[in-house]
C-alpha atoms as a PDB file:
ATOM      1  CA  MET A   1       1.196  13.082  19.345  1.00  0.00           C
ATOM      2  CA  GLU A   2      -1.124  10.482  17.872  1.00  0.00           C
ATOM      3  CA  SER A   3      -1.086   7.627  15.403  1.00  0.00           C
ATOM      4  CA  ASP A   4      -3.702   5.972  13.202  1.00  0.00           C
ATOM      5  CA  VAL A   5      -1.330   3.081  12.562  1.00  0.00           C
ATOM      6  CA  PRO A   6      -2.707  -0.171  14.042  1.00  0.00           C
ATOM      7  CA  THR A   7      -1.259  -0.709  17.498  1.00  0.00           C
ATOM      8  CA  PRO A   8       1.955  -2.701  17.117  1.00  0.00           C
ATOM      9  CA  ILE A   9       1.975  -6.167  18.613  1.00  0.00           C
ATOM     10  CA  ASP A  10       4.292  -6.516  21.576  1.00  0.00           C
ATOM     11  CA  PRO A  11       7.687  -7.420  20.070  1.00  0.00           C
ATOM     12  CA  ALA A  12       7.973 -10.134  22.711  1.00  0.00           C
ATOM     13  CA  THR A  13       4.947 -11.883  21.172  1.00  0.00           C
ATOM     14  CA  ILE A  14       6.533 -11.817  17.732  1.00  0.00           C
ATOM     15  CA  ALA A  15       9.870 -12.971  19.182  1.00  0.00           C
ATOM     16  CA  ALA A  16       8.097 -15.852  20.917  1.00  0.00           C
ATOM     17  CA  PHE A  17       6.630 -16.989  17.605  1.00  0.00           C
ATOM     18  CA  TRP A  18       9.969 -16.863  15.832  1.00  0.00           C
ATOM     19  CA  GLN A  19      11.626 -18.737  18.697  1.00  0.00           C
ATOM     20  CA  ALA A  20       8.978 -21.439  18.483  1.00  0.00           C
ATOM     21  CA  PHE A  21       9.385 -21.628  14.706  1.00  0.00           C
ATOM     22  CA  SER A  22      13.188 -21.802  14.980  1.00  0.00           C
ATOM     23  CA  ASP A  23      12.947 -24.590  17.551  1.00  0.00           C
ATOM     24  CA  ALA A  24      10.616 -26.556  15.278  1.00  0.00           C
ATOM     25  CA  GLU A  25      12.368 -25.772  11.992  1.00  0.00           C
ATOM     26  CA  ALA A  26      14.363 -28.979  11.665  1.00  0.00           C
ATOM     27  CA  SER A  27      11.349 -31.210  12.317  1.00  0.00           C
ATOM     28  CA  LEU A  28       9.172 -29.102  10.006  1.00  0.00           C
ATOM     29  CA  HIS A  29      11.705 -29.390   7.190  1.00  0.00           C
ATOM     30  CA  ALA A  30      11.478 -33.183   7.343  1.00  0.00           C
ATOM     31  CA  LEU A  31       7.734 -33.096   6.568  1.00  0.00           C
ATOM     32  CA  PRO A  32       5.983 -32.971   3.171  1.00  0.00           C
ATOM     33  CA  LEU A  33       5.287 -29.388   2.053  1.00  0.00           C
ATOM     34  CA  ARG A  34       1.565 -29.467   2.839  1.00  0.00           C
ATOM     35  CA  GLU A  35       2.188 -30.651   6.396  1.00  0.00           C
ATOM     36  CA  ARG A  36       4.949 -28.083   6.852  1.00  0.00           C
ATOM     37  CA  VAL A  37       2.492 -25.310   5.968  1.00  0.00           C
ATOM     38  CA  GLU A  38      -0.221 -26.697   8.234  1.00  0.00           C
ATOM     39  CA  GLN A  39       2.047 -27.061  11.251  1.00  0.00           C
ATOM     40  CA  GLY A  40       3.757 -23.740  10.619  1.00  0.00           C
ATOM     41  CA  ASN A  41       0.375 -22.009  10.634  1.00  0.00           C
ATOM     42  CA  GLU A  42      -0.601 -23.814  13.827  1.00  0.00           C
ATOM     43  CA  LEU A  43       2.506 -22.312  15.441  1.00  0.00           C
ATOM     44  CA  LEU A  44       1.666 -18.870  14.072  1.00  0.00           C
ATOM     45  CA  GLU A  45      -1.929 -18.988  15.338  1.00  0.00           C
ATOM     46  CA  GLN A  46      -0.702 -19.751  18.841  1.00  0.00           C
ATOM     47  CA  HIS A  47       0.963 -16.315  18.926  1.00  0.00           C
ATOM     48  CA  LEU A  48      -0.547 -14.051  16.233  1.00  0.00           C
ATOM     49  CA  SER A  49      -3.849 -13.684  14.395  1.00  0.00           C
ATOM     50  CA  GLY A  50      -4.763 -12.273  11.009  1.00  0.00           C
ATOM     51  CA  LEU A  51      -1.704 -13.635   9.187  1.00  0.00           C
ATOM     52  CA  ALA A  52      -0.786 -16.882   7.489  1.00  0.00           C
ATOM     53  CA  LEU A  53       2.308 -18.681   6.242  1.00  0.00           C
ATOM     54  CA  GLU A  54       2.845 -20.129   2.767  1.00  0.00           C
ATOM     55  CA  LEU A  55       5.811 -21.933   1.239  1.00  0.00           C
ATOM     56  CA  SER A  56       7.320 -21.548  -2.209  1.00  0.00           C
ATOM     57  CA  GLY A  57       9.824 -24.105  -3.406  1.00  0.00           C
ATOM     58  CA  GLY A  58      10.310 -27.788  -4.015  1.00  0.00           C
ATOM     59  CA  ALA A  59       9.893 -30.559  -1.469  1.00  0.00           C
ATOM     60  CA  GLU A  60      13.561 -31.493  -1.845  1.00  0.00           C
ATOM     61  CA  ASP A  61      14.942 -27.939  -1.705  1.00  0.00           C
ATOM     62  CA  GLU A  62      17.318 -27.311   1.173  1.00  0.00           C
ATOM     63  CA  VAL A  63      16.009 -23.734   1.473  1.00  0.00           C
ATOM     64  CA  VAL A  64      12.465 -22.623   0.573  1.00  0.00           C
ATOM     65  CA  ASP A  65      10.701 -19.261   0.687  1.00  0.00           C
ATOM     66  CA  LEU A  66       8.553 -18.730   3.768  1.00  0.00           C
ATOM     67  CA  ILE A  67       5.930 -16.171   2.782  1.00  0.00           C
ATOM     68  CA  VAL A  68       4.018 -14.217   5.415  1.00  0.00           C
ATOM     69  CA  THR A  69       0.647 -13.139   3.993  1.00  0.00           C
ATOM     70  CA  ALA A  70      -2.383 -11.202   5.209  1.00  0.00           C
ATOM     71  CA  HIS A  71      -4.510 -12.522   2.320  1.00  0.00           C
ATOM     72  CA  GLY A  72      -4.787  -8.994   0.939  1.00  0.00           C
ATOM     73  CA  SER A  73      -6.143  -7.374   4.133  1.00  0.00           C
ATOM     74  CA  SER A  74      -4.222  -4.109   4.070  1.00  0.00           C
ATOM     75  CA  ASP A  75      -5.126  -3.251   7.659  1.00  0.00           C
ATOM     76  CA  ARG A  76      -2.941  -6.223   8.659  1.00  0.00           C
ATOM     77  CA  PHE A  77       0.003  -5.139   6.506  1.00  0.00           C
ATOM     78  CA  PRO A  78       1.760  -3.188   9.319  1.00  0.00           C
ATOM     79  CA  LEU A  79       1.717  -6.309  11.507  1.00  0.00           C
ATOM     80  CA  LEU A  80       2.906  -8.419   8.581  1.00  0.00           C
ATOM     81  CA  MET A  81       5.868  -6.121   7.993  1.00  0.00           C
ATOM     82  CA  GLN A  82       6.633  -6.031  11.718  1.00  0.00           C
ATOM     83  CA  VAL A  83       6.733  -9.834  11.798  1.00  0.00           C
ATOM     84  CA  VAL A  84       8.964 -10.100   8.728  1.00  0.00           C
ATOM     85  CA  ALA A  85      11.343  -7.428  10.019  1.00  0.00           C
ATOM     86  CA  ALA A  86      11.809  -9.418  13.232  1.00  0.00           C
ATOM     87  CA  ALA A  87      12.544 -12.731  11.475  1.00  0.00           C
ATOM     88  CA  PRO A  88      15.783 -14.421  12.552  1.00  0.00           C
ATOM     89  CA  ARG A  89      18.231 -16.070  10.190  1.00  0.00           C
ATOM     90  CA  LEU A  90      16.839 -19.533   9.490  1.00  0.00           C
ATOM     91  CA  ARG A  91      18.593 -22.575   8.098  1.00  0.00           C
ATOM     92  CA  HIS A  92      15.879 -23.828   5.746  1.00  0.00           C
ATOM     93  CA  HIS A  93      13.727 -20.751   5.076  1.00  0.00           C
ATOM     94  CA  ARG A  94      14.018 -17.335   3.423  1.00  0.00           C
ATOM     95  CA  VAL A  95      11.365 -15.110   4.982  1.00  0.00           C
ATOM     96  CA  ARG A  96       9.466 -12.849   2.571  1.00  0.00           C
ATOM     97  CA  ALA A  97       6.646 -10.349   3.002  1.00  0.00           C
ATOM     98  CA  PHE A  98       3.447 -10.751   0.950  1.00  0.00           C
ATOM     99  CA  ARG A  99       2.393 -13.379  -1.535  1.00  0.00           C
ATOM    100  CA  GLU A 100       4.437 -12.624  -4.625  1.00  0.00           C
ATOM    101  CA  ARG A 101       3.404 -12.885  -8.247  1.00  0.00           C
ATOM    102  CA  THR A 102       3.245 -16.394  -9.565  1.00  0.00           C
ATOM    103  CA  ARG A 103       5.984 -17.255 -12.025  1.00  0.00           C
ATOM    104  CA  GLN A 104       3.440 -19.172 -14.128  1.00  0.00           C
ATOM    105  CA  PRO A 105       0.493 -16.811 -14.688  1.00  0.00           C
ATOM    106  CA  ASP A 106      -1.201 -19.119 -17.189  1.00  0.00           C
ATOM    107  CA  PHE A 107      -3.106 -21.573 -14.971  1.00  0.00           C
ATOM    108  CA  PRO A 108      -6.630 -22.882 -14.283  1.00  0.00           C
ATOM    109  CA  ILE A 109      -8.466 -23.233 -10.987  1.00  0.00           C
ATOM    110  CA  GLY A 110     -11.595 -25.195 -10.158  1.00  0.00           C
ATOM    111  CA  MET A 111     -14.454 -24.678  -7.730  1.00  0.00           C
ATOM    112  CA  ASP A 112     -17.419 -26.990  -7.169  1.00  0.00           C
ATOM    113  CA  GLY A 113     -16.954 -28.710 -10.495  1.00  0.00           C
ATOM    114  CA  PHE A 114     -16.430 -25.485 -12.450  1.00  0.00           C
ATOM    115  CA  GLU A 115     -13.035 -24.673 -13.993  1.00  0.00           C
ATOM    116  CA  LEU A 116     -11.726 -21.345 -15.252  1.00  0.00           C
ATOM    117  CA  SER A 117      -8.294 -20.430 -16.590  1.00  0.00           C
ATOM    118  CA  THR A 118      -6.466 -17.106 -16.416  1.00  0.00           C
ATOM    119  CA  ALA A 119      -6.419 -17.029 -20.233  1.00  0.00           C
ATOM    120  CA  GLU A 120     -10.246 -16.839 -20.134  1.00  0.00           C
ATOM    121  CA  VAL A 121     -10.315 -13.789 -17.837  1.00  0.00           C
ATOM    122  CA  LEU A 122      -9.933 -10.568 -19.847  1.00  0.00           C
ATOM    123  CA  ILE A 123      -8.800  -7.286 -18.247  1.00  0.00           C
ATOM    124  CA  ALA A 124      -9.013  -3.664 -19.408  1.00  0.00           C
ATOM    125  CA  LEU A 125      -7.038  -1.097 -17.431  1.00  0.00           C
ATOM    126  CA  GLY A 126      -8.211   2.374 -16.451  1.00  0.00           C
ATOM    127  CA  GLN A 127      -7.721   4.969 -13.716  1.00  0.00           C
ATOM    128  CA  ASP A 128      -9.472   5.231 -10.372  1.00  0.00           C
ATOM    129  CA  ASP A 129      -8.129   8.398  -8.766  1.00  0.00           C
ATOM    130  CA  GLY A 130      -4.496   7.467  -8.175  1.00  0.00           C
ATOM    131  CA  GLN A 131      -4.977   3.729  -8.508  1.00  0.00           C
ATOM    132  CA  ALA A 132      -5.454   1.442 -11.475  1.00  0.00           C
ATOM    133  CA  ALA A 133      -9.019   0.350 -12.200  1.00  0.00           C
ATOM    134  CA  LEU A 134      -9.802  -3.068 -13.649  1.00  0.00           C
ATOM    135  CA  GLU A 135     -12.702  -3.941 -15.921  1.00  0.00           C
ATOM    136  CA  ILE A 136     -13.187  -7.685 -16.188  1.00  0.00           C
ATOM    137  CA  ARG A 137     -15.102  -9.789 -18.662  1.00  0.00           C
ATOM    138  CA  PHE A 138     -14.890 -13.454 -19.484  1.00  0.00           C
ATOM    139  CA  GLY A 139     -13.650 -14.813 -22.794  1.00  0.00           C
ATOM    140  CA  ARG A 140     -16.078 -17.718 -22.718  1.00  0.00           C
ATOM    141  CA  GLU A 141     -19.696 -18.352 -21.862  1.00  0.00           C
ATOM    142  CA  ILE A 142     -20.245 -18.671 -18.115  1.00  0.00           C
ATOM    143  CA  PRO A 143     -23.329 -20.681 -17.080  1.00  0.00           C
ATOM    144  CA  GLN A 144     -25.747 -18.607 -14.989  1.00  0.00           C
ATOM    145  CA  ASP A 145     -25.348 -20.887 -11.980  1.00  0.00           C
ATOM    146  CA  PHE A 146     -21.575 -20.264 -11.971  1.00  0.00           C
ATOM    147  CA  GLN A 147     -21.516 -16.480 -12.398  1.00  0.00           C
ATOM    148  CA  ASP A 148     -20.647 -15.848  -8.716  1.00  0.00           C
ATOM    149  CA  HIS A 149     -18.115 -18.688  -8.759  1.00  0.00           C
ATOM    150  CA  ALA A 150     -16.408 -17.208 -11.803  1.00  0.00           C
ATOM    151  CA  ARG A 151     -16.143 -13.784 -10.209  1.00  0.00           C
ATOM    152  CA  ASN A 152     -14.719 -15.183  -6.974  1.00  0.00           C
ATOM    153  CA  MET A 153     -12.235 -17.241  -8.945  1.00  0.00           C
ATOM    154  CA  ALA A 154     -11.200 -14.185 -10.951  1.00  0.00           C
ATOM    155  CA  PHE A 155     -10.358 -12.320  -7.727  1.00  0.00           C
ATOM    156  CA  ILE A 156      -8.262 -15.251  -6.492  1.00  0.00           C
ATOM    157  CA  MET A 157      -6.456 -15.420  -9.828  1.00  0.00           C
ATOM    158  CA  ILE A 158      -5.693 -11.681  -9.909  1.00  0.00           C
ATOM    159  CA  ASP A 159      -4.224 -11.897  -6.419  1.00  0.00           C
ATOM    160  CA  HIS A 160      -1.848 -14.613  -7.601  1.00  0.00           C
ATOM    161  CA  VAL A 161      -1.029 -12.997 -10.951  1.00  0.00           C
ATOM    162  CA  LEU A 162      -0.397  -9.436  -9.714  1.00  0.00           C
ATOM    163  CA  GLY A 163       0.782 -10.344  -6.217  1.00  0.00           C
ATOM    164  CA  GLU A 164      -0.797  -9.566  -2.870  1.00  0.00           C
ATOM    165  CA  TYR A 165       0.610  -6.069  -2.348  1.00  0.00           C
ATOM    166  CA  ASP A 166      -0.027  -4.756  -5.856  1.00  0.00           C
ATOM    167  CA  PHE A 167      -3.606  -6.034  -5.947  1.00  0.00           C
ATOM    168  CA  ALA A 168      -4.450  -4.689  -2.482  1.00  0.00           C
ATOM    169  CA  VAL A 169      -2.738  -1.305  -2.875  1.00  0.00           C
ATOM    170  CA  LYS A 170      -2.335  -0.379  -6.542  1.00  0.00           C
ATOM    171  CA  VAL A 171      -5.736  -1.566  -7.747  1.00  0.00           C
ATOM    172  CA  GLY A 172      -8.849   0.462  -6.947  1.00  0.00           C
ATOM    173  CA  ALA A 173     -12.213  -0.161  -8.582  1.00  0.00           C
ATOM    174  CA  VAL A 174     -12.838  -3.636 -10.003  1.00  0.00           C
ATOM    175  CA  ASP A 175     -15.921  -3.994 -12.206  1.00  0.00           C
ATOM    176  CA  PHE A 176     -17.286  -6.995 -14.077  1.00  0.00           C
ATOM    177  CA  VAL A 177     -18.760  -5.974 -17.417  1.00  0.00           C
ATOM    178  CA  GLU A 178     -20.242  -7.555 -20.522  1.00  0.00           C
ATOM    179  CA  GLU A 179     -18.312  -5.064 -22.635  1.00  0.00           C
ATOM    180  CA  SER A 180     -16.377  -1.910 -21.849  1.00  0.00           C
ATOM    181  CA  LEU A 181     -17.943   1.535 -21.868  1.00  0.00           C
ATOM    182  CA  ASP A 182     -14.783   2.550 -23.724  1.00  0.00           C
ATOM    183  CA  PRO A 183     -14.901   1.196 -27.292  1.00  0.00           C
ATOM    184  CA  ASP A 184     -11.135   1.670 -27.544  1.00  0.00           C
ATOM    185  CA  ALA A 185     -10.378  -0.369 -24.429  1.00  0.00           C
ATOM    186  CA  GLU A 186      -7.576  -2.872 -24.843  1.00  0.00           C
ATOM    187  CA  TRP A 187      -8.368  -6.282 -23.397  1.00  0.00           C
ATOM    188  CA  THR A 188      -5.566  -8.445 -22.050  1.00  0.00           C
ATOM    189  CA  PRO A 189      -5.880 -12.055 -20.868  1.00  0.00           C
ATOM    190  CA  LEU A 190      -5.047 -12.232 -17.172  1.00  0.00           C
ATOM    191  CA  SER A 191      -2.340 -14.752 -18.037  1.00  0.00           C
ATOM    192  CA  LEU A 192      -0.498 -11.948 -19.888  1.00  0.00           C
ATOM    193  CA  LEU A 193      -1.384  -9.058 -17.567  1.00  0.00           C
ATOM    194  CA  PRO A 194       1.752  -8.476 -15.402  1.00  0.00           C
ATOM    195  CA  PRO A 195       3.957  -6.707 -17.992  1.00  0.00           C
ATOM    196  CA  VAL A 196       0.943  -4.791 -19.357  1.00  0.00           C
ATOM    197  CA  PHE A 197      -0.009  -3.676 -15.833  1.00  0.00           C
ATOM    198  CA  ASP A 198       3.575  -2.606 -15.087  1.00  0.00           C
ATOM    199  CA  ARG A 199       3.802  -0.566 -18.291  1.00  0.00           C
ATOM    200  CA  TYR A 200       0.485   1.104 -17.518  1.00  0.00           C
ATOM    201  CA  TRP A 201       1.685   1.917 -14.001  1.00  0.00           C
ATOM    202  CA  VAL A 202       4.744   3.686 -15.393  1.00  0.00           C
ATOM    203  CA  GLU A 203       3.603   5.094 -18.746  1.00  0.00           C
ATOM    204  CA  ALA A 204      -0.038   6.037 -18.044  1.00  0.00           C
ATOM    205  CA  LEU A 205       0.144   6.804 -14.323  1.00  0.00           C
ATOM    206  CA  GLY A 206       3.745   8.064 -14.251  1.00  0.00           C
ATOM    207  CA  ARG A 207       4.907   5.819 -11.395  1.00  0.00           C
ATOM    208  CA  THR A 208       8.561   5.295 -12.256  1.00  0.00           C
ATOM    209  CA  GLY A 209       9.448   4.729  -8.606  1.00  0.00           C
ATOM    210  CA  GLU A 210      12.285   7.247  -8.876  1.00  0.00           C
ATOM    211  CA  PHE A 211      12.697  10.087  -6.404  1.00  0.00           C
ATOM    212  CA  PRO A 212      12.384  13.491  -8.096  1.00  0.00           C
ATOM    213  CA  THR A 213      15.457  15.674  -8.422  1.00  0.00           C
ATOM    214  CA  GLY A 214      15.791  19.440  -8.717  1.00  0.00           C
ATOM    215  CA  GLU A 215      12.935  21.830  -8.055  1.00  0.00           C
ATOM    216  CA  HIS A 216       9.598  20.169  -7.419  1.00  0.00           C
ATOM    217  CA  GLU A 217       6.446  21.094  -9.320  1.00  0.00           C
ATOM    218  CA  TRP A 218       3.636  22.354  -7.073  1.00  0.00           C
ATOM    219  CA  ASP A 219      -0.036  23.087  -7.773  1.00  0.00           C
ATOM    220  CA  GLY A 220      -2.451  24.898  -5.483  1.00  0.00           C
ATOM    221  CA  MET A 221      -6.180  24.949  -4.832  1.00  0.00           C
ATOM    222  CA  THR A 222      -8.583  26.618  -2.439  1.00  0.00           C
ATOM    223  CA  LEU A 223     -11.274  24.572  -0.707  1.00  0.00           C
ATOM    224  CA  VAL A 224     -14.332  26.133   0.956  1.00  0.00           C
ATOM    225  CA  PHE A 225     -15.862  24.478   4.023  1.00  0.00           C
ATOM    226  CA  GLY A 226     -19.360  25.356   5.245  1.00  0.00           C
ATOM    227  CA  GLY A 227     -22.144  27.334   3.586  1.00  0.00           C
ATOM    228  CA  ALA A 228     -24.231  25.713   0.863  1.00  0.00           C
ATOM    229  CA  ASP A 229     -24.018  27.093  -2.666  1.00  0.00           C
ATOM    230  CA  GLY A 230     -26.564  29.831  -3.259  1.00  0.00           C
ATOM    231  CA  ASP A 231     -27.873  30.081   0.290  1.00  0.00           C
ATOM    232  CA  GLY A 232     -26.156  33.392   0.933  1.00  0.00           C
ATOM    233  CA  ALA A 233     -24.361  32.101   4.003  1.00  0.00           C
ATOM    234  CA  GLU A 234     -20.755  33.021   4.553  1.00  0.00           C
ATOM    235  CA  PRO A 235     -18.382  30.046   4.350  1.00  0.00           C
ATOM    236  CA  ARG A 236     -17.049  29.053   7.736  1.00  0.00           C
ATOM    237  CA  ASP A 237     -13.470  28.782   6.533  1.00  0.00           C
ATOM    238  CA  GLU A 238     -11.215  28.129   3.592  1.00  0.00           C
ATOM    239  CA  ALA A 239      -8.248  25.830   3.119  1.00  0.00           C
ATOM    240  CA  ILE A 240      -5.313  26.397   0.825  1.00  0.00           C
ATOM    241  CA  VAL A 241      -3.864  23.118  -0.396  1.00  0.00           C
ATOM    242  CA  MET A 242      -0.520  22.825  -2.173  1.00  0.00           C
ATOM    243  CA  ILE A 243       0.141  19.522  -3.972  1.00  0.00           C
ATOM    244  CA  ASN A 244       3.599  18.258  -4.876  1.00  0.00           C
ATOM    245  CA  ARG A 245       3.084  16.909  -8.387  1.00  0.00           C
ATOM    246  CA  SER A 246       6.694  15.732  -8.385  1.00  0.00           C
ATOM    247  CA  ALA A 247       5.833  13.173  -5.695  1.00  0.00           C
ATOM    248  CA  ASN A 248       3.650  11.192  -8.122  1.00  0.00           C
ATOM    249  CA  PRO A 249       6.483   8.975  -9.476  1.00  0.00           C
ATOM    250  CA  VAL A 250       7.048   7.425  -6.014  1.00  0.00           C
ATOM    251  CA  ALA A 251       3.368   7.220  -5.024  1.00  0.00           C
ATOM    252  CA  MET A 252       2.390   3.865  -3.495  1.00  0.00           C
ATOM    253  CA  ARG A 253       5.929   2.577  -3.281  1.00  0.00           C
ATOM    254  CA  ALA A 254       5.894  -0.216  -0.708  1.00  0.00           C
ATOM    255  CA  ASP A 255       8.652   1.517   1.264  1.00  0.00           C
ATOM    256  CA  LEU A 256       6.680   4.798   1.497  1.00  0.00           C
ATOM    257  CA  ALA A 257       3.463   3.534   3.044  1.00  0.00           C
ATOM    258  CA  TYR A 258       3.114   5.810   6.093  1.00  0.00           C
ATOM    259  CA  ALA A 259       1.689   9.350   5.998  1.00  0.00           C
ATOM    260  CA  LEU A 260       3.483  11.418   8.638  1.00  0.00           C
ATOM    261  CA  THR A 261       1.826  14.766   9.370  1.00  0.00           C
ATOM    262  CA  LEU A 262       3.434  17.813  10.981  1.00  0.00           C
ATOM    263  CA  ASP A 263       0.563  20.110  12.008  1.00  0.00           C
ATOM    264  CA  LEU A 264       1.492  23.521  13.442  1.00  0.00           C
ATOM    265  CA  ALA A 265      -0.318  26.696  14.527  1.00  0.00           C
ATOM    266  CA  VAL A 266       0.012  29.798  12.314  1.00  0.00           C
ATOM    267  CA  ALA A 267      -1.477  32.855  13.996  1.00  0.00           C
ATOM    268  CA  ASP A 268      -0.112  35.453  11.565  1.00  0.00           C
ATOM    269  CA  GLY A 269       2.066  35.944   8.501  1.00  0.00           C
ATOM    270  CA  ASP A 270       5.335  35.831  10.428  1.00  0.00           C
ATOM    271  CA  GLU A 271       4.371  32.593  12.123  1.00  0.00           C
ATOM    272  CA  LEU A 272       3.254  31.123   8.801  1.00  0.00           C
ATOM    273  CA  GLU A 273       6.647  31.897   7.304  1.00  0.00           C
ATOM    274  CA  ALA A 274       8.456  30.259  10.245  1.00  0.00           C
ATOM    275  CA  VAL A 275       6.245  27.160  10.060  1.00  0.00           C
ATOM    276  CA  ARG A 276       6.673  26.896   6.291  1.00  0.00           C
ATOM    277  CA  ASP A 277      10.438  27.093   6.744  1.00  0.00           C
ATOM    278  CA  LEU A 278      10.406  24.361   9.403  1.00  0.00           C
ATOM    279  CA  GLN A 279       8.255  22.057   7.282  1.00  0.00           C
ATOM    280  CA  ASP A 280      10.453  22.675   4.230  1.00  0.00           C
ATOM    281  CA  GLN A 281      13.535  21.814   6.253  1.00  0.00           C
ATOM    282  CA  ALA A 282      11.793  18.630   7.391  1.00  0.00           C
ATOM    283  CA  ALA A 283      11.249  17.768   3.720  1.00  0.00           C
ATOM    284  CA  THR A 284      14.944  18.252   3.006  1.00  0.00           C
ATOM    285  CA  LEU A 285      15.961  16.043   5.946  1.00  0.00           C
ATOM    286  CA  LEU A 286      13.702  13.257   4.701  1.00  0.00           C
ATOM    287  CA  GLU A 287      14.244  13.596   0.958  1.00  0.00           C
ATOM    288  CA  LEU A 288      18.035  13.777   0.812  1.00  0.00           C
ATOM    289  CA  PRO A 289      18.471  10.239   2.268  1.00  0.00           C
ATOM    290  CA  GLN A 290      15.198   9.206   0.543  1.00  0.00           C
ATOM    291  CA  LEU A 291      13.506   8.387   3.848  1.00  0.00           C
ATOM    292  CA  GLY A 292      10.358  10.148   2.643  1.00  0.00           C
ATOM    293  CA  ILE A 293       8.879  12.940   0.564  1.00  0.00           C
ATOM    294  CA  LEU A 294       6.661  15.960   1.222  1.00  0.00           C
ATOM    295  CA  ALA A 295       3.427  15.221  -0.654  1.00  0.00           C
ATOM    296  CA  TYR A 296       1.114  18.130   0.162  1.00  0.00           C
ATOM    297  CA  THR A 297       0.369  20.906   2.623  1.00  0.00           C
ATOM    298  CA  MET A 298      -2.908  22.357   3.878  1.00  0.00           C
ATOM    299  CA  THR A 299      -3.387  25.706   5.607  1.00  0.00           C
ATOM    300  CA  ARG A 300      -6.727  25.988   7.353  1.00  0.00           C
ATOM    301  CA  ALA A 301      -8.266  27.553  10.461  1.00  0.00           C
ATOM    302  CA  GLY A 302      -5.010  28.936  11.814  1.00  0.00           C
ATOM    303  CA  ARG A 303      -2.950  25.804  11.276  1.00  0.00           C
ATOM    304  CA  ARG A 304      -0.682  24.484   8.532  1.00  0.00           C
ATOM    305  CA  LYS A 305      -0.123  20.783   8.141  1.00  0.00           C
ATOM    306  CA  ALA A 306       2.499  19.151   5.950  1.00  0.00           C
ATOM    307  CA  VAL A 307       2.095  15.496   4.978  1.00  0.00           C
ATOM    308  CA  TYR A 308       5.153  13.383   4.177  1.00  0.00           C
ATOM    309  CA  TYR A 309       5.093   9.765   2.987  1.00  0.00           C
ATOM    310  CA  VAL A 310       7.790   7.752   4.729  1.00  0.00           C
ATOM    311  CA  GLY A 311       8.849   4.144   4.943  1.00  0.00           C
ATOM    312  CA  ASP A 312      10.026   3.847   8.531  1.00  0.00           C
ATOM    313  CA  GLU A 313       8.099   5.851  11.098  1.00  0.00           C
ATOM    314  CA  GLN A 314      10.801   5.685  13.758  1.00  0.00           C
ATOM    315  CA  MET A 315      13.686   6.553  11.421  1.00  0.00           C
ATOM    316  CA  ALA A 316      11.719   9.507  10.078  1.00  0.00           C
ATOM    317  CA  LYS A 317      11.044  10.815  13.579  1.00  0.00           C
ATOM    318  CA  GLN A 318      14.721  10.438  14.468  1.00  0.00           C
ATOM    319  CA  ALA A 319      15.724  12.388  11.351  1.00  0.00           C
ATOM    320  CA  LEU A 320      13.336  15.188  12.285  1.00  0.00           C
ATOM    321  CA  ALA A 321      14.129  15.220  16.023  1.00  0.00           C
ATOM    322  CA  PRO A 322      16.352  18.374  15.941  1.00  0.00           C
ATOM    323  CA  LEU A 323      13.622  20.356  14.166  1.00  0.00           C
ATOM    324  CA  LEU A 324      10.921  19.252  16.565  1.00  0.00           C
ATOM    325  CA  LEU A 325      12.821  20.812  19.482  1.00  0.00           C
ATOM    326  CA  ARG A 326      12.739  24.301  17.936  1.00  0.00           C
ATOM    327  CA  ASP A 327      10.507  27.056  19.309  1.00  0.00           C
ATOM    328  CA  GLU A 328       8.415  27.033  16.128  1.00  0.00           C
ATOM    329  CA  ALA A 329       7.420  23.442  16.929  1.00  0.00           C
ATOM    330  CA  ALA A 330       5.855  24.300  20.295  1.00  0.00           C
ATOM    331  CA  SER A 331       2.327  23.829  18.903  1.00  0.00           C
ATOM    332  CA  LEU A 332       3.215  20.669  16.973  1.00  0.00           C
ATOM    333  CA  GLU A 333       0.673  17.909  16.505  1.00  0.00           C
ATOM    334  CA  LEU A 334       2.401  14.912  14.945  1.00  0.00           C
ATOM    335  CA  SER A 335       0.404  11.965  13.623  1.00  0.00           C
ATOM    336  CA  VAL A 336       1.114   8.883  11.537  1.00  0.00           C
ATOM    337  CA  THR A 337      -1.338   7.005   9.337  1.00  0.00           C
ATOM    338  CA  PHE A 338      -0.778   3.792   7.413  1.00  0.00           C
ATOM    339  CA  ASP A 339      -1.780   4.865   3.901  1.00  0.00           C
ATOM    340  CA  PRO A 340      -0.048   2.635   1.329  1.00  0.00           C
ATOM    341  CA  ALA A 341      -2.424   3.766  -1.456  1.00  0.00           C
ATOM    342  CA  TRP A 342      -1.619   7.445  -0.746  1.00  0.00           C
ATOM    343  CA  SER A 343      -5.340   8.171  -0.460  1.00  0.00           C
ATOM    344  CA  GLY A 344      -4.641  11.433   1.376  1.00  0.00           C
ATOM    345  CA  TYR A 345      -2.472  12.664  -1.490  1.00  0.00           C
ATOM    346  CA  PHE A 346      -4.799  11.602  -4.294  1.00  0.00           C
ATOM    347  CA  GLU A 347      -7.784  13.210  -2.597  1.00  0.00           C
ATOM    348  CA  PHE A 348      -6.243  16.405  -3.995  1.00  0.00           C
ATOM    349  CA  ALA A 349      -3.762  15.309  -6.678  1.00  0.00           C
ATOM    350  CA  VAL A 350      -6.388  13.961  -9.089  1.00  0.00           C
ATOM    351  CA  HIS A 351      -8.027  17.389  -9.437  1.00  0.00           C
END
């Protein structure tokens, strides 16, 4: 059994941070907001690295939002979620994961004497495999000396307008252009992008977020490994991949960010049938309570692996525990990868 998920921090370390924060909460709440953030982050850095704290609310509010952010670094997202899940009930703070979308997307920012507003950043949406692609151009003349500044500022703005998770996970390629290669491209000011982005996510990419019901739609393909085209060499092996097209509506949901793989030996047709049955039963156990969904399978070199996207690694393993004790599971290799963008699925699903 293996895992490509970043090694979890010792829960005692996270508990020690939250204890320190709880002990200091009353004194922190008496400070101006800027000082609260600074001292809160000093506490965090004493226990954990790679994360930061932000506050959302008014200086006089009795309760404010305490946001745990990784500044868009998706490799730190598992730690972020671990920290938020362990948060105690606090008197003056509501703990939230990820920097959320700003409620006022029409705003300017300045850098080294140069100012740019979100209304002056124009976005055209497209597709990048399973993610949304962004083309960006500016709606005003940008002096040559400030071209790099403007691009950096645009990234900061998009993070605030779309929110940390959506920008890091749902957005793929980002290109700055003078004009789009697509003459029919629709340009939207960044200040108006959130509802346009959400409609595109649902209507163009089909991501309704709703679990599929009834029979799922599957497509298949054969992949050849080894042997260059035209060299006369026999291919070393082939893989048969089956893709669950019905999984697309829930792709990249924040609560389905882990790819759990059940990889089993299949020496002959009878064994293949038994393994397929076990993996299908695993899908049922995960999909009925909506703990996860079977996304694709691959049969190659005497093994068949089934990949499920799940939200809680431990709950998924507990749900599957009875199956994993069966004789058919004797050759099981179980692995877990943090894959919030479903890159494993879209490696095949975009074809």
